[in-house]
Amino acid sequence: MDSKEFLFLRKRLSKTQKEMSQLLGTSVKAIQGYEQGWRAVPAHVERQIFFLVSRKRGSGKPRKACWVIKKCPREQRQRCPAWEFQAGLLCWFINGTICEGRVQRDWNKKMKMCKDCEVLEPILNPEVVGSM
């Protein structure tokens, strides 16, 4: 997550820097550092922000589970943690999911893939929701 994306999502959550620091359990200086690009946004902070944004979504449209959207074969979905924990709307939040036929273990690599996925993209980009 870069500084522009961090700032965009903080504003999308309608939070001040102080409020964001309280939500994330960090200092206001850290928030300022993320927004100015002085500090890299840690994976745990990125994950928390995506989770908060996903909960604030507000669209009345029902969403489908990832395994339905991606048309995962039964044997693949039965091995996937998203299926095991019935978290098909939060698959991007869970390490070890089986996406594109392989286990996703590394958070940064997973996020590169997830940001372009039909499951997470509407959460991060509200204009995508209107076009679905």
C-alpha atoms as a PDB file:
ATOM      1  CA  MET A   1       0.000   0.000   0.000  1.00  0.00           C
ATOM      2  CA  ASP A   2       1.445   3.336  -0.956  1.00  0.00           C
ATOM      3  CA  SER A   3       0.917   6.708   0.728  1.00  0.00           C
ATOM      4  CA  LYS A   4      -1.794   7.841  -1.699  1.00  0.00           C
ATOM      5  CA  GLU A   5      -3.818   4.678  -1.210  1.00  0.00           C
ATOM      6  CA  PHE A   6      -3.464   4.952   2.572  1.00  0.00           C
ATOM      7  CA  LEU A   7      -4.725   8.557   2.527  1.00  0.00           C
ATOM      8  CA  PHE A   8      -7.582   7.681   0.159  1.00  0.00           C
ATOM      9  CA  LEU A   9      -8.762   4.847   2.395  1.00  0.00           C
ATOM     10  CA  ARG A  10      -8.443   6.913   5.587  1.00  0.00           C
ATOM     11  CA  LYS A  11     -10.654   9.553   4.007  1.00  0.00           C
ATOM     12  CA  ARG A  12     -13.034   6.864   2.760  1.00  0.00           C
ATOM     13  CA  LEU A  13     -13.388   5.775   6.385  1.00  0.00           C
ATOM     14  CA  SER A  14     -14.063   9.441   7.314  1.00  0.00           C
ATOM     15  CA  LYS A  15     -11.374   9.364   9.996  1.00  0.00           C
ATOM     16  CA  THR A  16      -8.946  12.032  11.142  1.00  0.00           C
ATOM     17  CA  GLN A  17      -5.308  11.085  11.557  1.00  0.00           C
ATOM     18  CA  LYS A  18      -5.855  10.897  15.319  1.00  0.00           C
ATOM     19  CA  GLU A  19      -8.922   8.671  14.954  1.00  0.00           C
ATOM     20  CA  MET A  20      -7.051   6.449  12.504  1.00  0.00           C
ATOM     21  CA  SER A  21      -4.129   6.111  14.895  1.00  0.00           C
ATOM     22  CA  GLN A  22      -6.525   4.991  17.629  1.00  0.00           C
ATOM     23  CA  LEU A  23      -8.188   2.445  15.310  1.00  0.00           C
ATOM     24  CA  LEU A  24      -4.851   1.025  14.235  1.00  0.00           C
ATOM     25  CA  GLY A  25      -3.217   1.146  17.669  1.00  0.00           C
ATOM     26  CA  THR A  26      -0.375   3.348  16.490  1.00  0.00           C
ATOM     27  CA  SER A  27       0.786   6.938  16.856  1.00  0.00           C
ATOM     28  CA  VAL A  28      -0.389   9.982  14.933  1.00  0.00           C
ATOM     29  CA  LYS A  29       3.256  10.358  13.808  1.00  0.00           C
ATOM     30  CA  ALA A  30       3.076   6.903  12.222  1.00  0.00           C
ATOM     31  CA  ILE A  31      -0.114   7.860  10.349  1.00  0.00           C
ATOM     32  CA  GLN A  32       1.558  11.035   9.126  1.00  0.00           C
ATOM     33  CA  GLY A  33       4.568   8.999   8.051  1.00  0.00           C
ATOM     34  CA  TYR A  34       2.403   6.567   6.069  1.00  0.00           C
ATOM     35  CA  GLU A  35       0.614   9.438   4.329  1.00  0.00           C
ATOM     36  CA  GLN A  36       3.805  11.333   3.524  1.00  0.00           C
ATOM     37  CA  GLY A  37       5.594   8.214   2.325  1.00  0.00           C
ATOM     38  CA  TRP A  38       8.264   8.472   5.035  1.00  0.00           C
ATOM     39  CA  ARG A  39       7.232   5.085   6.426  1.00  0.00           C
ATOM     40  CA  ALA A  40       6.168   1.952   4.625  1.00  0.00           C
ATOM     41  CA  VAL A  41       2.697   0.784   5.588  1.00  0.00           C
ATOM     42  CA  PRO A  42       3.170  -2.540   7.434  1.00  0.00           C
ATOM     43  CA  ALA A  43       1.178  -5.552   6.259  1.00  0.00           C
ATOM     44  CA  HIS A  44      -0.830  -5.733   9.503  1.00  0.00           C
ATOM     45  CA  VAL A  45      -1.909  -2.095   9.090  1.00  0.00           C
ATOM     46  CA  GLU A  46      -2.859  -2.628   5.442  1.00  0.00           C
ATOM     47  CA  ARG A  47      -4.877  -5.695   6.372  1.00  0.00           C
ATOM     48  CA  GLN A  48      -6.697  -3.820   9.157  1.00  0.00           C
ATOM     49  CA  ILE A  49      -7.584  -0.909   6.852  1.00  0.00           C
ATOM     50  CA  PHE A  50      -8.965  -3.225   4.167  1.00  0.00           C
ATOM     51  CA  PHE A  51     -11.024  -4.991   6.817  1.00  0.00           C
ATOM     52  CA  LEU A  52     -12.443  -1.712   8.147  1.00  0.00           C
ATOM     53  CA  VAL A  53     -13.271  -0.482   4.641  1.00  0.00           C
ATOM     54  CA  SER A  54     -14.943  -3.804   3.831  1.00  0.00           C
ATOM     55  CA  ARG A  55     -17.194  -3.460   6.867  1.00  0.00           C
ATOM     56  CA  LYS A  56     -18.196   0.109   5.947  1.00  0.00           C
ATOM     57  CA  ARG A  57     -19.080  -0.762   2.354  1.00  0.00           C
ATOM     58  CA  GLY A  58     -22.750   0.235   2.572  1.00  0.00           C
ATOM     59  CA  SER A  59     -23.941  -1.144  -0.767  1.00  0.00           C
ATOM     60  CA  GLY A  60     -27.263  -2.926  -0.584  1.00  0.00           C
ATOM     61  CA  LYS A  61     -26.210  -5.334  -3.331  1.00  0.00           C
ATOM     62  CA  PRO A  62     -25.688  -8.896  -2.124  1.00  0.00           C
ATOM     63  CA  ARG A  63     -22.199 -10.173  -2.813  1.00  0.00           C
ATOM     64  CA  LYS A  64     -21.192 -13.664  -3.801  1.00  0.00           C
ATOM     65  CA  ALA A  65     -18.516 -15.778  -2.143  1.00  0.00           C
ATOM     66  CA  CYS A  66     -15.111 -15.864  -3.827  1.00  0.00           C
ATOM     67  CA  TRP A  67     -15.443 -19.526  -4.805  1.00  0.00           C
ATOM     68  CA  VAL A  68     -18.651 -18.706  -6.701  1.00  0.00           C
ATOM     69  CA  ILE A  69     -17.148 -15.654  -8.429  1.00  0.00           C
ATOM     70  CA  LYS A  70     -13.935 -17.499  -9.340  1.00  0.00           C
ATOM     71  CA  LYS A  71     -15.746 -20.764 -10.195  1.00  0.00           C
ATOM     72  CA  CYS A  72     -13.356 -22.807  -8.078  1.00  0.00           C
ATOM     73  CA  PRO A  73     -13.491 -26.570  -8.608  1.00  0.00           C
ATOM     74  CA  ARG A  74     -14.944 -28.454  -5.656  1.00  0.00           C
ATOM     75  CA  GLU A  75     -11.668 -30.216  -4.748  1.00  0.00           C
ATOM     76  CA  GLN A  76      -9.801 -26.881  -4.725  1.00  0.00           C
ATOM     77  CA  ARG A  77     -12.372 -25.051  -2.633  1.00  0.00           C
ATOM     78  CA  GLN A  78     -12.512 -27.854  -0.062  1.00  0.00           C
ATOM     79  CA  ARG A  79      -8.766 -27.359   0.611  1.00  0.00           C
ATOM     80  CA  CYS A  80      -9.038 -23.558   0.813  1.00  0.00           C
ATOM     81  CA  PRO A  81      -9.199 -21.761   4.193  1.00  0.00           C
ATOM     82  CA  ALA A  82     -11.755 -19.288   2.818  1.00  0.00           C
ATOM     83  CA  TRP A  83     -14.148 -22.221   2.228  1.00  0.00           C
ATOM     84  CA  GLU A  84     -13.271 -23.953   5.498  1.00  0.00           C
ATOM     85  CA  PHE A  85     -14.123 -20.830   7.511  1.00  0.00           C
ATOM     86  CA  GLN A  86     -16.993 -19.773   5.213  1.00  0.00           C
ATOM     87  CA  ALA A  87     -15.231 -16.454   4.586  1.00  0.00           C
ATOM     88  CA  GLY A  88     -15.820 -16.098   0.863  1.00  0.00           C
ATOM     89  CA  LEU A  89     -16.237 -12.339   1.192  1.00  0.00           C
ATOM     90  CA  LEU A  90     -13.032 -12.032   3.238  1.00  0.00           C
ATOM     91  CA  CYS A  91     -10.788 -14.369   1.241  1.00  0.00           C
ATOM     92  CA  TRP A  92      -8.321 -11.496   0.701  1.00  0.00           C
ATOM     93  CA  PHE A  93      -7.943 -11.254   4.497  1.00  0.00           C
ATOM     94  CA  ILE A  94      -6.865 -14.884   4.952  1.00  0.00           C
ATOM     95  CA  ASN A  95      -3.358 -16.133   4.224  1.00  0.00           C
ATOM     96  CA  GLY A  96      -3.065 -19.542   2.603  1.00  0.00           C
ATOM     97  CA  THR A  97      -6.068 -19.246   0.315  1.00  0.00           C
ATOM     98  CA  ILE A  98      -5.924 -21.147  -2.945  1.00  0.00           C
ATOM     99  CA  CYS A  99      -6.213 -18.548  -5.682  1.00  0.00           C
ATOM    100  CA  GLU A 100      -5.297 -19.046  -9.301  1.00  0.00           C
ATOM    101  CA  GLY A 101      -4.645 -22.706  -8.526  1.00  0.00           C
ATOM    102  CA  ARG A 102      -1.946 -22.250  -5.886  1.00  0.00           C
ATOM    103  CA  VAL A 103      -1.671 -21.472  -2.180  1.00  0.00           C
ATOM    104  CA  GLN A 104      -1.094 -17.781  -1.479  1.00  0.00           C
ATOM    105  CA  ARG A 105       1.308 -17.484   1.452  1.00  0.00           C
ATOM    106  CA  ASP A 106       3.106 -14.162   1.051  1.00  0.00           C
ATOM    107  CA  TRP A 107       0.935 -11.143   1.984  1.00  0.00           C
ATOM    108  CA  ASN A 108       2.539  -8.668  -0.436  1.00  0.00           C
ATOM    109  CA  LYS A 109       2.302 -11.025  -3.412  1.00  0.00           C
ATOM    110  CA  LYS A 110      -1.240 -11.972  -2.432  1.00  0.00           C
ATOM    111  CA  MET A 111      -2.290  -8.320  -2.229  1.00  0.00           C
ATOM    112  CA  LYS A 112      -0.970  -7.563  -5.716  1.00  0.00           C
ATOM    113  CA  MET A 113      -3.265 -10.267  -7.019  1.00  0.00           C
ATOM    114  CA  CYS A 114      -6.214  -9.453  -4.723  1.00  0.00           C
ATOM    115  CA  LYS A 115      -6.341  -5.749  -5.579  1.00  0.00           C
ATOM    116  CA  ASP A 116      -7.286  -6.700  -9.140  1.00  0.00           C
ATOM    117  CA  CYS A 117      -9.710  -9.434  -8.086  1.00  0.00           C
ATOM    118  CA  GLU A 118     -13.492  -9.195  -8.418  1.00  0.00           C
ATOM    119  CA  VAL A 119     -13.858  -9.884  -4.682  1.00  0.00           C
ATOM    120  CA  LEU A 120     -11.693  -7.095  -3.195  1.00  0.00           C
ATOM    121  CA  GLU A 121     -11.747  -4.519  -5.986  1.00  0.00           C
ATOM    122  CA  PRO A 122     -15.365  -3.366  -5.391  1.00  0.00           C
ATOM    123  CA  ILE A 123     -14.513  -2.789  -1.726  1.00  0.00           C
ATOM    124  CA  LEU A 124     -11.522  -0.601  -2.528  1.00  0.00           C
ATOM    125  CA  ASN A 125     -13.035   1.139  -5.561  1.00  0.00           C
ATOM    126  CA  PRO A 126     -16.676   2.096  -5.001  1.00  0.00           C
ATOM    127  CA  GLU A 127     -17.128   3.139  -8.648  1.00  0.00           C
ATOM    128  CA  VAL A 128     -16.596  -0.505  -9.640  1.00  0.00           C
ATOM    129  CA  VAL A 129     -19.679  -1.485  -7.583  1.00  0.00           C
ATOM    130  CA  GLY A 130     -21.907   0.763  -9.709  1.00  0.00           C
ATOM    131  CA  SER A 131     -20.718  -0.885 -12.913  1.00  0.00           C
ATOM    132  CA  MET A 132     -21.346  -4.459 -11.706  1.00  0.00           C
END
